[in-house]
């Protein structure tokens, strides 16, 4: 693992890529999740991410597991919390591996497991005033 964090400040893709610098890596796969202007057919007016106090520990566990289960050279994951705007980066995950297939598989597993297991919840307010919590137990 090279970089794992949860922050209330804007995310920097270059920081994630730089953290994974490795002359032995033939592939670096990067996933960037950004805030879109709609969800479930409704326009999004506001969005806020909240993390449980254990979220960073859980994210670290997910990163370690992905590193163990895939033939990777490096793993990085950073998630943002707080109020975000349309276009803001919400999550950046990346992996490096000797070969692209391993990097793709590991990055896919990393974002899928992060979304399924890390207690970070999204609160959306839609243009019509209705609200929705996503990812809560």
Foldseek 3Di string as FASTA:
>chain_A
DQAAEEEQDFDDQVVQVVSADDPQFPDKDKDWDFAAQDDPHFGFDWKFKDFDPCQRVFLVVQQVVLVVVFQFDDKYKYAYGGIDDGGTTGMMIMTTHNDHVRRVVSRVSSVVCSLQTGRMWMWTQTPVGDIDIPSDD
